[in-house]
Amino acid sequence: MTEPSGRRERKKAATRQKIADTALELFLERGYDAVGIRDVAAEADVAVTTVFSHFASKEALVFEQDEDFEQRLTRAVTDRAPHDPLIPALRQEIRALVRHCTAEGADPLWRMIDASPALRQYEEAMRLRHATSLATAIAADLGLPADATSCRAVARFAIDAFSLAREADDPQAVVDEVFEMIEAAWQAAAPARRS
């Protein structure tokens, strides 16, 4: 008998979350470099191949919400009402992501990331990918070419706002400050976007 896809998907998601939670716990307890994929698999009681079926690399275990964050960013553009302005919708989503990533208890995770060259490099590549996806969504929403400079710039600044905010004493104030600059630049670029 075939298992219902809803149940299968829930089970798959639960396994993925268990692996990610186990990995993070081990990384924080023993240190990122001291833990291997085999350690994570053994502690999560899954096969190494199961870990790799959910995560492409050891670094991906740390950034397990990567795809969700990328989708949230693009949906902030694509799912807004037709007459809702772009920049405020994007600001609202970045503020929510910053709240999530600066919540109580997040400091040990960010210290671990900052201390690891491999994790910093992965984070940088992830940010560039998020910026590219976001720029593509903005351009498509506005009917502009995918490589439109204004769309790419807004996307990069929005992603950088997140990075700057997570390092600040007042993350939300940083997001607001950066988005005031983004809004001003977006308004200044309006004639170029129309031509």
C-alpha atoms as a PDB file:
ATOM      1  CA  MET A   1       0.000   0.000   0.000  1.00  0.00           C
ATOM      2  CA  THR A   2       1.297   3.448  -0.921  1.00  0.00           C
ATOM      3  CA  GLU A   3       1.905   5.848   1.921  1.00  0.00           C
ATOM      4  CA  PRO A   4       0.048   9.154   1.523  1.00  0.00           C
ATOM      5  CA  SER A   5       2.366  11.829   0.175  1.00  0.00           C
ATOM      6  CA  GLY A   6       1.429  14.229   2.977  1.00  0.00           C
ATOM      7  CA  ARG A   7       2.561  11.762   5.605  1.00  0.00           C
ATOM      8  CA  ARG A   8       5.717  10.893   3.659  1.00  0.00           C
ATOM      9  CA  GLU A   9       6.594  14.563   3.304  1.00  0.00           C
ATOM     10  CA  ARG A  10       6.019  15.187   7.016  1.00  0.00           C
ATOM     11  CA  LYS A  11       8.228  12.226   7.882  1.00  0.00           C
ATOM     12  CA  LYS A  12      10.938  13.433   5.506  1.00  0.00           C
ATOM     13  CA  ALA A  13      10.781  16.943   6.990  1.00  0.00           C
ATOM     14  CA  ALA A  14      10.979  15.526  10.531  1.00  0.00           C
ATOM     15  CA  THR A  15      14.055  13.488   9.624  1.00  0.00           C
ATOM     16  CA  ARG A  16      15.676  16.541   8.030  1.00  0.00           C
ATOM     17  CA  GLN A  17      14.967  18.638  11.114  1.00  0.00           C
ATOM     18  CA  LYS A  18      16.290  15.916  13.433  1.00  0.00           C
ATOM     19  CA  ILE A  19      19.537  15.751  11.465  1.00  0.00           C
ATOM     20  CA  ALA A  20      19.929  19.553  11.485  1.00  0.00           C
ATOM     21  CA  ASP A  21      19.151  19.840  15.208  1.00  0.00           C
ATOM     22  CA  THR A  22      21.549  17.016  16.050  1.00  0.00           C
ATOM     23  CA  ALA A  23      24.312  18.537  13.926  1.00  0.00           C
ATOM     24  CA  LEU A  24      23.925  21.971  15.488  1.00  0.00           C
ATOM     25  CA  GLU A  25      23.946  20.515  18.983  1.00  0.00           C
ATOM     26  CA  LEU A  26      27.142  18.560  18.224  1.00  0.00           C
ATOM     27  CA  PHE A  27      28.810  21.534  16.518  1.00  0.00           C
ATOM     28  CA  LEU A  28      28.113  23.828  19.455  1.00  0.00           C
ATOM     29  CA  GLU A  29      29.126  21.200  22.006  1.00  0.00           C
ATOM     30  CA  ARG A  30      32.335  19.899  20.376  1.00  0.00           C
ATOM     31  CA  GLY A  31      33.226  22.562  17.833  1.00  0.00           C
ATOM     32  CA  TYR A  32      32.415  22.646  14.151  1.00  0.00           C
ATOM     33  CA  ASP A  33      35.751  21.264  12.960  1.00  0.00           C
ATOM     34  CA  ALA A  34      35.722  18.420  15.512  1.00  0.00           C
ATOM     35  CA  VAL A  35      32.469  16.927  14.218  1.00  0.00           C
ATOM     36  CA  GLY A  36      32.179  14.938  11.004  1.00  0.00           C
ATOM     37  CA  ILE A  37      29.192  13.839   8.968  1.00  0.00           C
ATOM     38  CA  ARG A  38      29.567  10.310  10.367  1.00  0.00           C
ATOM     39  CA  ASP A  39      29.272  11.725  13.893  1.00  0.00           C
ATOM     40  CA  VAL A  40      26.086  13.545  12.959  1.00  0.00           C
ATOM     41  CA  ALA A  41      24.612  10.467  11.281  1.00  0.00           C
ATOM     42  CA  ALA A  42      25.421   8.232  14.253  1.00  0.00           C
ATOM     43  CA  GLU A  43      23.977  10.671  16.790  1.00  0.00           C
ATOM     44  CA  ALA A  44      20.826  11.233  14.696  1.00  0.00           C
ATOM     45  CA  ASP A  45      20.524   7.469  14.171  1.00  0.00           C
ATOM     46  CA  VAL A  46      20.467   7.702  10.380  1.00  0.00           C
ATOM     47  CA  ALA A  47      22.770   6.552   7.607  1.00  0.00           C
ATOM     48  CA  VAL A  48      25.421   8.882   6.209  1.00  0.00           C
ATOM     49  CA  THR A  49      23.615   8.663   2.861  1.00  0.00           C
ATOM     50  CA  THR A  50      20.460   9.919   4.593  1.00  0.00           C
ATOM     51  CA  VAL A  51      22.353  12.979   5.829  1.00  0.00           C
ATOM     52  CA  PHE A  52      23.560  13.666   2.289  1.00  0.00           C
ATOM     53  CA  SER A  53      20.097  13.129   0.829  1.00  0.00           C
ATOM     54  CA  HIS A  54      18.935  16.086   2.932  1.00  0.00           C
ATOM     55  CA  PHE A  55      22.079  18.248   3.006  1.00  0.00           C
ATOM     56  CA  ALA A  56      24.626  18.724   0.229  1.00  0.00           C
ATOM     57  CA  SER A  57      27.509  19.480   2.592  1.00  0.00           C
ATOM     58  CA  LYS A  58      28.544  19.779   6.207  1.00  0.00           C
ATOM     59  CA  GLU A  59      28.202  23.565   5.954  1.00  0.00           C
ATOM     60  CA  ALA A  60      24.614  23.195   4.767  1.00  0.00           C
ATOM     61  CA  LEU A  61      23.784  21.560   8.113  1.00  0.00           C
ATOM     62  CA  VAL A  62      24.518  24.872   9.836  1.00  0.00           C
ATOM     63  CA  PHE A  63      22.448  26.893   7.371  1.00  0.00           C
ATOM     64  CA  GLU A  64      19.554  24.446   7.259  1.00  0.00           C
ATOM     65  CA  GLN A  65      16.978  27.206   6.722  1.00  0.00           C
ATOM     66  CA  ASP A  66      18.814  28.553   3.691  1.00  0.00           C
ATOM     67  CA  GLU A  67      16.183  27.545   1.118  1.00  0.00           C
ATOM     68  CA  ASP A  68      13.336  28.776   3.305  1.00  0.00           C
ATOM     69  CA  PHE A  69      14.995  32.173   3.720  1.00  0.00           C
ATOM     70  CA  GLU A  70      15.587  32.453  -0.026  1.00  0.00           C
ATOM     71  CA  GLN A  71      11.951  31.602  -0.744  1.00  0.00           C
ATOM     72  CA  ARG A  72      10.727  34.076   1.851  1.00  0.00           C
ATOM     73  CA  LEU A  73      12.751  36.838   0.209  1.00  0.00           C
ATOM     74  CA  THR A  74      11.431  36.146  -3.270  1.00  0.00           C
ATOM     75  CA  ARG A  75       7.855  35.740  -1.985  1.00  0.00           C
ATOM     76  CA  ALA A  76       8.113  39.170  -0.342  1.00  0.00           C
ATOM     77  CA  VAL A  77       8.288  40.433  -3.920  1.00  0.00           C
ATOM     78  CA  THR A  78       6.046  38.007  -5.790  1.00  0.00           C
ATOM     79  CA  ASP A  79       3.263  37.545  -3.226  1.00  0.00           C
ATOM     80  CA  ARG A  80       2.600  41.173  -2.390  1.00  0.00           C
ATOM     81  CA  ALA A  81      -0.598  42.804  -3.620  1.00  0.00           C
ATOM     82  CA  PRO A  82      -0.277  44.400  -7.090  1.00  0.00           C
ATOM     83  CA  HIS A  83      -0.275  47.969  -5.799  1.00  0.00           C
ATOM     84  CA  ASP A  84       1.809  47.384  -2.647  1.00  0.00           C
ATOM     85  CA  PRO A  85       5.174  49.109  -2.998  1.00  0.00           C
ATOM     86  CA  LEU A  86       8.185  46.833  -3.374  1.00  0.00           C
ATOM     87  CA  ILE A  87      10.699  48.313  -0.925  1.00  0.00           C
ATOM     88  CA  PRO A  88       8.438  48.357   2.174  1.00  0.00           C
ATOM     89  CA  ALA A  89       7.434  44.731   1.503  1.00  0.00           C
ATOM     90  CA  LEU A  90      11.080  43.753   1.261  1.00  0.00           C
ATOM     91  CA  ARG A  91      11.954  45.734   4.389  1.00  0.00           C
ATOM     92  CA  GLN A  92       9.243  43.944   6.349  1.00  0.00           C
ATOM     93  CA  GLU A  93      10.607  40.521   5.346  1.00  0.00           C
ATOM     94  CA  ILE A  94      14.223  41.441   6.117  1.00  0.00           C
ATOM     95  CA  ARG A  95      13.106  42.738   9.520  1.00  0.00           C
ATOM     96  CA  ALA A  96      11.396  39.395  10.205  1.00  0.00           C
ATOM     97  CA  LEU A  97      14.467  37.422   9.144  1.00  0.00           C
ATOM     98  CA  VAL A  98      16.692  39.597  11.331  1.00  0.00           C
ATOM     99  CA  ARG A  99      14.379  39.052  14.314  1.00  0.00           C
ATOM    100  CA  HIS A 100      14.619  35.313  13.740  1.00  0.00           C
ATOM    101  CA  CYS A 101      18.405  35.274  13.374  1.00  0.00           C
ATOM    102  CA  THR A 102      19.113  37.584  16.306  1.00  0.00           C
ATOM    103  CA  ALA A 103      16.705  35.915  18.706  1.00  0.00           C
ATOM    104  CA  GLU A 104      17.857  34.951  22.146  1.00  0.00           C
ATOM    105  CA  GLY A 105      20.279  32.048  21.975  1.00  0.00           C
ATOM    106  CA  ALA A 106      21.575  32.792  18.456  1.00  0.00           C
ATOM    107  CA  ASP A 107      24.923  34.240  19.591  1.00  0.00           C
ATOM    108  CA  PRO A 108      26.765  30.893  19.960  1.00  0.00           C
ATOM    109  CA  LEU A 109      25.748  29.936  16.433  1.00  0.00           C
ATOM    110  CA  TRP A 110      27.006  33.202  14.937  1.00  0.00           C
ATOM    111  CA  ARG A 111      30.257  32.984  16.938  1.00  0.00           C
ATOM    112  CA  MET A 112      30.783  29.502  15.500  1.00  0.00           C
ATOM    113  CA  ILE A 113      30.114  30.760  11.968  1.00  0.00           C
ATOM    114  CA  ASP A 114      32.410  33.753  12.399  1.00  0.00           C
ATOM    115  CA  ALA A 115      35.195  31.499  13.727  1.00  0.00           C
ATOM    116  CA  SER A 116      35.091  29.094  10.767  1.00  0.00           C
ATOM    117  CA  PRO A 117      36.534  30.092   7.376  1.00  0.00           C
ATOM    118  CA  ALA A 118      34.501  27.309   5.706  1.00  0.00           C
ATOM    119  CA  LEU A 119      31.246  28.568   7.238  1.00  0.00           C
ATOM    120  CA  ARG A 120      32.015  32.209   6.426  1.00  0.00           C
ATOM    121  CA  GLN A 121      32.729  31.239   2.820  1.00  0.00           C
ATOM    122  CA  TYR A 122      29.514  29.208   2.622  1.00  0.00           C
ATOM    123  CA  GLU A 123      27.545  32.105   4.113  1.00  0.00           C
ATOM    124  CA  GLU A 124      29.000  34.515   1.554  1.00  0.00           C
ATOM    125  CA  ALA A 125      28.104  32.199  -1.345  1.00  0.00           C
ATOM    126  CA  MET A 126      24.624  31.777   0.131  1.00  0.00           C
ATOM    127  CA  ARG A 127      24.143  35.556   0.375  1.00  0.00           C
ATOM    128  CA  LEU A 128      25.197  36.004  -3.261  1.00  0.00           C
ATOM    129  CA  ARG A 129      22.752  33.292  -4.339  1.00  0.00           C
ATOM    130  CA  HIS A 130      19.962  34.915  -2.312  1.00  0.00           C
ATOM    131  CA  ALA A 131      20.744  38.290  -3.880  1.00  0.00           C
ATOM    132  CA  THR A 132      20.633  36.789  -7.373  1.00  0.00           C
ATOM    133  CA  SER A 133      17.284  35.092  -6.709  1.00  0.00           C
ATOM    134  CA  LEU A 134      15.872  38.260  -5.201  1.00  0.00           C
ATOM    135  CA  ALA A 135      17.100  40.414  -8.107  1.00  0.00           C
ATOM    136  CA  THR A 136      15.544  37.993 -10.577  1.00  0.00           C
ATOM    137  CA  ALA A 137      12.213  38.125  -8.733  1.00  0.00           C
ATOM    138  CA  ILE A 138      12.269  41.933  -8.622  1.00  0.00           C
ATOM    139  CA  ALA A 139      13.104  42.220 -12.317  1.00  0.00           C
ATOM    140  CA  ALA A 140      10.405  39.718 -13.297  1.00  0.00           C
ATOM    141  CA  ASP A 141       7.853  41.514 -11.131  1.00  0.00           C
ATOM    142  CA  LEU A 142       8.625  44.816 -12.842  1.00  0.00           C
ATOM    143  CA  GLY A 143       8.954  43.371 -16.343  1.00  0.00           C
ATOM    144  CA  LEU A 144      12.619  44.324 -16.558  1.00  0.00           C
ATOM    145  CA  PRO A 145      15.549  42.322 -17.908  1.00  0.00           C
ATOM    146  CA  ALA A 146      16.883  39.795 -15.374  1.00  0.00           C
ATOM    147  CA  ASP A 147      20.205  41.639 -15.190  1.00  0.00           C
ATOM    148  CA  ALA A 148      18.728  45.112 -14.559  1.00  0.00           C
ATOM    149  CA  THR A 149      21.245  47.032 -12.471  1.00  0.00           C
ATOM    150  CA  SER A 150      18.663  48.674 -10.215  1.00  0.00           C
ATOM    151  CA  CYS A 151      17.153  45.293  -9.317  1.00  0.00           C
ATOM    152  CA  ARG A 152      20.537  43.723  -8.645  1.00  0.00           C
ATOM    153  CA  ALA A 153      21.606  46.668  -6.492  1.00  0.00           C
ATOM    154  CA  VAL A 154      18.429  46.632  -4.379  1.00  0.00           C
ATOM    155  CA  ALA A 155      18.768  42.888  -3.868  1.00  0.00           C
ATOM    156  CA  ARG A 156      22.406  43.154  -2.813  1.00  0.00           C
ATOM    157  CA  PHE A 157      21.703  46.011  -0.411  1.00  0.00           C
ATOM    158  CA  ALA A 158      18.742  44.167   1.093  1.00  0.00           C
ATOM    159  CA  ILE A 159      20.855  41.075   1.716  1.00  0.00           C
ATOM    160  CA  ASP A 160      23.665  43.221   3.125  1.00  0.00           C
ATOM    161  CA  ALA A 161      21.160  44.928   5.440  1.00  0.00           C
ATOM    162  CA  PHE A 162      20.530  41.529   6.981  1.00  0.00           C
ATOM    163  CA  SER A 163      24.264  40.907   7.461  1.00  0.00           C
ATOM    164  CA  LEU A 164      24.936  44.329   8.942  1.00  0.00           C
ATOM    165  CA  ALA A 165      21.930  44.088  11.251  1.00  0.00           C
ATOM    166  CA  ARG A 166      22.835  40.744  12.755  1.00  0.00           C
ATOM    167  CA  GLU A 167      26.158  42.222  13.911  1.00  0.00           C
ATOM    168  CA  ALA A 168      24.649  45.390  15.419  1.00  0.00           C
ATOM    169  CA  ASP A 169      23.506  46.285  18.921  1.00  0.00           C
ATOM    170  CA  ASP A 170      20.173  47.468  17.506  1.00  0.00           C
ATOM    171  CA  PRO A 171      19.493  45.223  14.492  1.00  0.00           C
ATOM    172  CA  GLN A 172      16.104  46.700  13.611  1.00  0.00           C
ATOM    173  CA  ALA A 173      17.498  50.241  13.566  1.00  0.00           C
ATOM    174  CA  VAL A 174      20.188  49.101  11.135  1.00  0.00           C
ATOM    175  CA  VAL A 175      17.598  47.512   8.844  1.00  0.00           C
ATOM    176  CA  ASP A 176      15.570  50.736   8.887  1.00  0.00           C
ATOM    177  CA  GLU A 177      18.634  52.887   8.171  1.00  0.00           C
ATOM    178  CA  VAL A 178      19.756  50.734   5.247  1.00  0.00           C
ATOM    179  CA  PHE A 179      16.239  50.588   3.821  1.00  0.00           C
ATOM    180  CA  GLU A 180      15.925  54.381   3.977  1.00  0.00           C
ATOM    181  CA  MET A 181      18.970  54.490   1.684  1.00  0.00           C
ATOM    182  CA  ILE A 182      17.534  51.747  -0.535  1.00  0.00           C
ATOM    183  CA  GLU A 183      14.229  53.617  -0.823  1.00  0.00           C
ATOM    184  CA  ALA A 184      15.993  56.852  -1.766  1.00  0.00           C
ATOM    185  CA  ALA A 185      18.116  55.094  -4.396  1.00  0.00           C
ATOM    186  CA  TRP A 186      15.082  53.211  -5.730  1.00  0.00           C
ATOM    187  CA  GLN A 187      13.167  56.476  -6.148  1.00  0.00           C
ATOM    188  CA  ALA A 188      16.156  58.110  -7.846  1.00  0.00           C
ATOM    189  CA  ALA A 189      16.407  55.179 -10.273  1.00  0.00           C
ATOM    190  CA  ALA A 190      12.686  55.308 -11.149  1.00  0.00           C
ATOM    191  CA  PRO A 191      13.148  57.220 -14.453  1.00  0.00           C
ATOM    192  CA  ALA A 192      15.770  54.683 -15.610  1.00  0.00           C
ATOM    193  CA  ARG A 193      13.473  51.772 -14.759  1.00  0.00           C
ATOM    194  CA  ARG A 194      10.670  53.274 -16.852  1.00  0.00           C
ATOM    195  CA  SER A 195      12.817  53.881 -19.931  1.00  0.00           C
END
